[in-house]
Amino acid sequence: MQTVFSIAVDALAYGMVLFVISIGLSVTMGLMRVVNLAHGGFAMIGGYIASYVARDLALGYGLALIAAVVFTILIAIPIERLLYRRIYGQPELTQVLMTIGITFCIIGIANFVMGPTLKTIPLAPSLQGSADLGFRTVPVHRLFAIACGLAVALGLWYAIEKTNFGIRLRASVDNAAMAAALGVRTEIVYAVSFAAAVGLAAFGGVVGSEFLPVEPYYALRYMVTFLVVVSVGGAGSIPGALAACLLLGAIDTTGRYLMPEFGEFFFYLAVIAIICVFPRGLAGRAK
């Protein structure tokens, strides 16, 4: 039972980390119609910034987390203005080629500036150690990751479904020309959405560094993982992305606990099975 409980906690925490990082990609693909394969690069940037602030400057985990989100967004704004706006509405192959190029540029610059070594992000004292639940102790950082995932899911759902900005975003996606004619500034809507997606990637890159270590080829190593999660959940669907992350996180974690020699075999086997049954993802919408 102890093993089952450990698997469940790790699977839930890992699934929530995948969700926090991947949901921004789901938003850009499902709502903005942009195949942003550089999404993992922004998570890596957030991790590098947090490592520098927390470890080298010794300013603490909280400030490192805030700095990672803020500075990653500031870095992403000119990239969105100068590069991404050129591929909005373009064929998917054009978007893939552009964003893969951006990924390799991010990797090259990060290696030059930060060095080709794995970076650690020291946890705050309050996130270290374990919490006693009475019948079992659980690492506090796992609980923190789970709480972050739930908060992001609820916050995004409310922002997209219940706010005026969400209405403008959905209108811009459905018919950008008509939305602009009605006074919606679609460029600002896309820019804010992109910034939010990048900020979530950076946030997830920091929170999830215990599961997905920040290293020089992070952006390439996990590119497929993030893309797969979005595809399985259904691009643009928050419940679908959450379900996909929890399901795949549980399968991957269980496989690594019980049969570690198989690596990611069970993860991708599950992906194949799910896509065969749900070609548009768990919550994909018909076009």
Foldseek 3Di string as FASTA:
>chain_A
DVVVVVLLLQLLLQLLLLLLQQLLCLCCCVQQVFNQLLSLLLQLQLQLQLLCCCPVVVPANVVSLVCSLVVSLVVCLVVCVPPVVVCRVHDHVVRVVSNVVVNVVSLVVCCVPVNQFWTDRDHHPVQADWDDPPVDTDRSLSVVSNVVSVVVLVVVCCPLPPDPLNVLSNVCRVPVVVSVVVPRPVVVSVSVSNSVSSSSNSSSSSSCCVPQTNGSNSSVVCSVVSVLLSQQQARPDSVSSSVSSSVLSSQQSVCCVPPVVCPCVRSVVVSVVSCVVVVRHPDHDDD
